[in-house]
Amino acid sequence: MEIQEIRLFSSDKSVHAIKNPVKIEIFNLIEQGDCSFDAIVAATGKAKSTISAHIKELEIRGLIFSHPDPADFRKRIISKSAISIGTLTNQDRNFQGRLQIPTDITQLQTADLFRIILMTLRMEVLSLGINVDPLLKRVGSQIGTYLAPSFIKSTLEETLTAVAQFWHEHKLGKMVVNGLDPIILEITDCFECSEYPITGKPECHFAMGFVTILFAHYYEKEVPVTETTCYAAADTKCMFEIIPPTQEEESQI
């Protein structure tokens, strides 16, 4: 069976399904940050006329918008105006993972029960060919937005201690700080993926959204966050690397 990816987006007016690979590639580039028309042409390797036609259609559908480059009004910058909400693929539909549910499930504590509910829901929709990773990251970002003010302390060390304590107290896993430049967060017994089947890639999308928004609040600007290891990638722990802003960047905040 041919593997064809269909990306789902939500704009102000409607929900959209995009399956054209060039349009998906364009949106993938813009999701990483505003992108110039010329940069999109260079990254895709397509003709300017082809990219222009795709961008025009995406603009009409309300998924992106273009505006003049402040450094050169003759050029255009492309920005996203829609939210990625999921992916449909034949490959995901073949997912056969199942969670091993304890026989004494009625005796589980609330946190452990909700962990099983979350993972079962996630695996079931994935087995139907529906990948909701973008939504999980968005939920993590929203929860992080609500909680960040209570975690932010006067120093980075105090902030990290507060987050690690919260993670442990609510049975989200054991978080240990293994470095400060870059910041390395190591999580064992991860609630999101420690019992998740091996997919060969990082799967802590909720945690990614949470960590990203937390450090965006701390530094008052978004900083790069990468999940470098994950149980779902056959690793023995999950690790996040956060790149703090340089002294020059901090002085500009």
Protein backbone atom coordinates (compact mmCIF):
# COMPACT_ATOMS: atom_id res chain seq x y z
CA MET A 1 0.00 0.00 0.00
CA GLU A 2 1.34 3.43 -0.92
CA ILE A 3 2.26 5.58 2.06
CA GLN A 4 0.73 9.02 1.64
CA GLU A 5 0.81 11.68 4.32
CA ILE A 6 -2.15 13.97 4.81
CA ARG A 7 -1.62 16.94 7.14
CA LEU A 8 -4.57 18.41 9.00
CA PHE A 9 -4.70 22.11 9.84
CA SER A 10 -7.12 24.42 11.61
CA SER A 11 -7.44 28.03 10.48
CA ASP A 12 -9.72 30.80 11.74
CA LYS A 13 -12.41 29.75 9.27
CA SER A 14 -12.11 26.02 8.69
CA VAL A 15 -10.26 22.71 9.01
CA HIS A 16 -8.08 21.78 6.04
CA ALA A 17 -6.53 18.55 4.77
CA ILE A 18 -3.35 18.94 2.71
CA LYS A 19 -1.79 15.99 0.89
CA ASN A 20 0.31 17.68 -1.79
CA PRO A 21 3.93 16.97 -0.75
CA VAL A 22 5.22 20.37 -1.92
CA LYS A 23 2.58 22.23 0.10
CA ILE A 24 3.41 20.09 3.14
CA GLU A 25 7.11 20.84 2.70
CA ILE A 26 6.37 24.57 2.49
CA PHE A 27 4.33 24.49 5.68
CA ASN A 28 6.98 22.40 7.46
CA LEU A 29 9.53 25.12 6.69
CA ILE A 30 7.24 27.92 7.88
CA GLU A 31 6.39 26.06 11.09
CA GLN A 32 10.05 26.44 12.09
CA GLY A 33 9.74 30.23 11.77
CA ASP A 34 8.95 32.94 9.26
CA CYS A 35 10.60 32.16 5.94
CA SER A 36 11.38 34.23 2.87
CA PHE A 37 10.04 33.23 -0.53
CA ASP A 38 13.60 32.81 -1.83
CA ALA A 39 14.52 30.56 1.12
CA ILE A 40 11.52 28.33 0.41
CA VAL A 41 12.50 28.04 -3.26
CA ALA A 42 16.06 27.12 -2.26
CA ALA A 43 14.97 24.56 0.36
CA THR A 44 12.44 22.81 -1.86
CA GLY A 45 14.46 22.90 -5.06
CA LYS A 46 11.33 23.77 -7.01
CA ALA A 47 10.87 26.48 -9.63
CA LYS A 48 9.78 29.92 -8.41
CA SER A 49 6.59 29.69 -10.45
CA THR A 50 5.70 26.36 -8.78
CA ILE A 51 6.32 27.67 -5.26
CA SER A 52 4.44 30.88 -6.02
CA ALA A 53 1.38 28.90 -7.15
CA HIS A 54 1.42 26.72 -4.02
CA ILE A 55 1.87 29.72 -1.71
CA LYS A 56 -1.00 31.53 -3.41
CA GLU A 57 -3.31 28.56 -2.86
CA LEU A 58 -2.24 28.18 0.78
CA GLU A 59 -2.91 31.89 1.31
CA ILE A 60 -6.38 31.63 -0.24
CA ARG A 61 -7.17 28.75 2.11
CA GLY A 62 -6.01 30.81 5.09
CA LEU A 63 -3.11 28.60 6.13
CA ILE A 64 -0.35 31.16 5.56
CA PHE A 65 0.06 34.86 4.81
CA SER A 66 2.81 36.91 3.24
CA HIS A 67 4.13 40.36 4.06
CA PRO A 68 7.01 42.56 2.88
CA ASP A 69 10.50 41.86 4.19
CA PRO A 70 11.34 44.87 6.43
CA ALA A 71 14.94 44.66 5.22
CA ASP A 72 13.93 44.72 1.55
CA PHE A 73 10.35 45.62 0.57
CA ARG A 74 10.86 43.97 -2.82
CA LYS A 75 10.93 40.57 -1.10
CA ARG A 76 8.21 38.65 0.76
CA ILE A 77 8.22 36.88 4.12
CA ILE A 78 5.83 33.95 4.57
CA SER A 79 4.24 33.25 7.97
CA LYS A 80 1.80 30.60 9.15
CA SER A 81 -1.78 31.50 10.09
CA ALA A 82 -3.08 27.98 10.80
CA ILE A 83 -2.39 25.38 13.47
CA SER A 84 -1.23 21.85 12.72
CA ILE A 85 -3.64 19.43 14.42
CA GLY A 86 -2.54 16.03 13.17
CA THR A 87 -1.53 13.70 10.39
CA LEU A 88 -3.19 10.81 8.57
CA THR A 89 -0.93 8.16 7.06
CA ASN A 90 -1.22 4.59 5.88
CA GLN A 91 1.99 3.88 7.78
CA ASP A 92 0.47 4.94 11.11
CA ARG A 93 -2.63 2.90 10.30
CA ASN A 94 -0.46 -0.22 10.39
CA PHE A 95 0.54 0.52 13.98
CA GLN A 96 -0.24 -2.56 16.08
CA GLY A 97 1.08 -1.56 19.52
CA ARG A 98 -1.02 -2.37 22.54
CA LEU A 99 -0.57 -1.36 26.15
CA GLN A 100 -0.16 -4.06 28.78
CA ILE A 101 -2.92 -3.12 31.22
CA PRO A 102 -2.47 -4.45 34.79
CA THR A 103 -5.03 -6.99 35.96
CA ASP A 104 -5.49 -5.00 39.19
CA ILE A 105 -6.30 -1.77 37.37
CA THR A 106 -9.05 -0.92 39.88
CA GLN A 107 -6.39 -0.63 42.59
CA LEU A 108 -4.27 1.91 40.74
CA GLN A 109 -3.78 5.41 42.07
CA THR A 110 -5.33 8.25 40.09
CA ALA A 111 -2.09 9.33 38.39
CA ASP A 112 -1.30 5.79 37.21
CA LEU A 113 -4.86 5.26 35.98
CA PHE A 114 -4.82 8.46 33.92
CA ARG A 115 -1.44 7.49 32.49
CA ILE A 116 -2.98 4.25 31.17
CA ILE A 117 -6.04 6.11 29.83
CA LEU A 118 -3.84 8.63 27.99
CA MET A 119 -1.59 6.01 26.41
CA THR A 120 -4.49 3.73 25.47
CA LEU A 121 -6.31 6.60 23.75
CA ARG A 122 -3.15 7.61 21.92
CA MET A 123 -2.42 4.08 20.70
CA GLU A 124 -5.99 3.49 19.56
CA VAL A 125 -6.18 6.62 17.41
CA LEU A 126 -2.73 5.85 15.99
CA SER A 127 -3.85 2.34 15.04
CA LEU A 128 -6.62 4.01 13.02
CA GLY A 129 -4.07 6.11 11.15
CA ILE A 130 -4.56 9.31 13.16
CA ASN A 131 -1.42 10.91 14.57
CA VAL A 132 -2.26 13.58 17.16
CA ASP A 133 1.30 14.54 18.12
CA PRO A 134 0.80 18.25 17.29
CA LEU A 135 -2.24 18.36 19.60
CA LEU A 136 -0.31 16.71 22.43
CA LYS A 137 2.42 19.33 22.08
CA ARG A 138 -0.18 22.10 22.01
CA VAL A 139 -1.82 20.76 25.19
CA GLY A 140 1.61 20.62 26.85
CA SER A 141 2.20 24.25 25.86
CA GLN A 142 -1.15 25.32 27.30
CA ILE A 143 -0.54 23.52 30.60
CA GLY A 144 2.95 25.02 30.69
CA THR A 145 1.49 28.49 30.18
CA TYR A 146 -0.82 28.02 33.17
CA LEU A 147 1.89 26.63 35.45
CA ALA A 148 5.00 28.57 34.38
CA PRO A 149 4.42 31.55 36.72
CA SER A 150 4.57 29.24 39.76
CA PHE A 151 7.84 27.66 38.59
CA ILE A 152 9.80 30.74 37.56
CA LYS A 153 12.25 31.67 40.33
CA SER A 154 15.05 34.21 40.61
CA THR A 155 17.72 31.73 39.45
CA LEU A 156 17.83 28.97 36.85
CA GLU A 157 18.80 26.38 39.47
CA GLU A 158 15.76 27.23 41.65
CA THR A 159 13.48 27.11 38.63
CA LEU A 160 14.76 23.68 37.58
CA THR A 161 14.39 22.38 41.14
CA ALA A 162 10.76 23.54 41.24
CA VAL A 163 9.99 21.80 37.93
CA ALA A 164 11.72 18.56 38.95
CA GLN A 165 9.83 18.51 42.24
CA PHE A 166 6.50 19.03 40.45
CA TRP A 167 7.32 16.24 37.96
CA HIS A 168 8.10 13.83 40.81
CA GLU A 169 5.18 14.76 43.08
CA HIS A 170 2.65 14.25 40.28
CA LYS A 171 4.21 10.96 39.11
CA LEU A 172 5.20 12.30 35.72
CA GLY A 173 8.63 10.69 36.11
CA LYS A 174 11.92 11.34 37.87
CA MET A 175 13.60 14.44 36.47
CA VAL A 176 17.30 15.11 37.01
CA VAL A 177 19.31 18.10 35.75
CA ASN A 178 22.52 16.90 34.07
CA GLY A 179 23.87 20.20 32.79
CA LEU A 180 23.23 23.93 32.61
CA ASP A 181 24.91 25.02 29.36
CA PRO A 182 23.22 23.53 27.53
CA ILE A 183 20.51 22.59 30.00
CA ILE A 184 20.07 18.82 30.06
CA LEU A 185 16.92 17.36 31.62
CA GLU A 186 16.95 13.58 32.11
CA ILE A 187 13.63 11.86 32.81
CA THR A 188 13.22 8.24 33.86
CA ASP A 189 9.91 6.41 34.34
CA CYS A 190 8.41 8.94 31.90
CA PHE A 191 4.61 8.98 32.18
CA GLU A 192 4.25 9.76 28.49
CA CYS A 193 6.32 7.03 26.86
CA SER A 194 8.04 4.62 29.30
CA GLU A 195 5.40 1.97 28.48
CA TYR A 196 4.80 3.14 24.91
CA PRO A 197 5.75 0.73 22.09
CA ILE A 198 9.02 1.34 20.25
CA THR A 199 8.38 3.64 17.28
CA GLY A 200 12.02 4.54 16.63
CA LYS A 201 11.58 8.24 17.33
CA PRO A 202 10.99 10.62 20.28
CA GLU A 203 7.36 10.59 21.40
CA CYS A 204 7.26 12.99 24.40
CA HIS A 205 5.20 15.61 22.61
CA PHE A 206 3.28 16.81 25.68
CA ALA A 207 6.54 17.21 27.62
CA MET A 208 8.13 18.96 24.62
CA GLY A 209 5.35 21.55 24.56
CA PHE A 210 5.55 22.00 28.33
CA VAL A 211 9.35 22.38 28.46
CA THR A 212 9.42 24.71 25.44
CA ILE A 213 6.87 27.12 26.90
CA LEU A 214 8.42 26.95 30.38
CA PHE A 215 11.83 28.14 29.18
CA ALA A 216 10.24 30.67 26.84
CA HIS A 217 8.71 32.20 29.99
CA TYR A 218 11.96 31.99 31.95
CA TYR A 219 14.10 33.62 29.24
CA GLU A 220 11.27 35.80 27.92
CA LYS A 221 11.95 34.46 24.44
CA GLU A 222 11.69 31.09 22.74
CA VAL A 223 14.86 29.00 22.92
CA PRO A 224 15.76 25.77 21.08
CA VAL A 225 14.51 22.58 22.77
CA THR A 226 15.32 19.09 21.47
CA GLU A 227 14.39 15.66 22.78
CA THR A 228 17.64 13.76 22.25
CA THR A 229 16.70 10.34 23.68
CA CYS A 230 13.37 8.65 24.39
CA TYR A 231 11.99 5.32 25.59
CA ALA A 232 9.99 5.11 22.35
CA ALA A 233 13.27 5.33 20.42
CA ALA A 234 14.57 2.28 22.36
CA ASP A 235 16.55 4.42 24.80
CA THR A 236 16.62 3.84 28.57
CA LYS A 237 15.50 7.37 29.44
CA CYS A 238 14.16 10.57 27.95
CA MET A 239 16.45 13.58 27.68
CA PHE A 240 15.76 17.16 26.67
CA GLU A 241 18.43 19.63 25.62
CA ILE A 242 17.66 23.34 26.02
CA ILE A 243 20.03 25.92 24.53
CA PRO A 244 20.03 29.08 26.70
CA PRO A 245 20.40 32.45 24.98
CA THR A 246 23.90 33.87 24.80
CA GLN A 247 24.86 36.88 26.95
CA GLU A 248 24.51 39.06 23.87
CA GLU A 249 21.02 37.70 23.19
CA GLU A 250 20.01 38.14 26.84
CA SER A 251 21.13 41.78 26.77
CA GLN A 252 18.70 42.35 23.88
CA ILE A 253 15.69 40.97 25.79
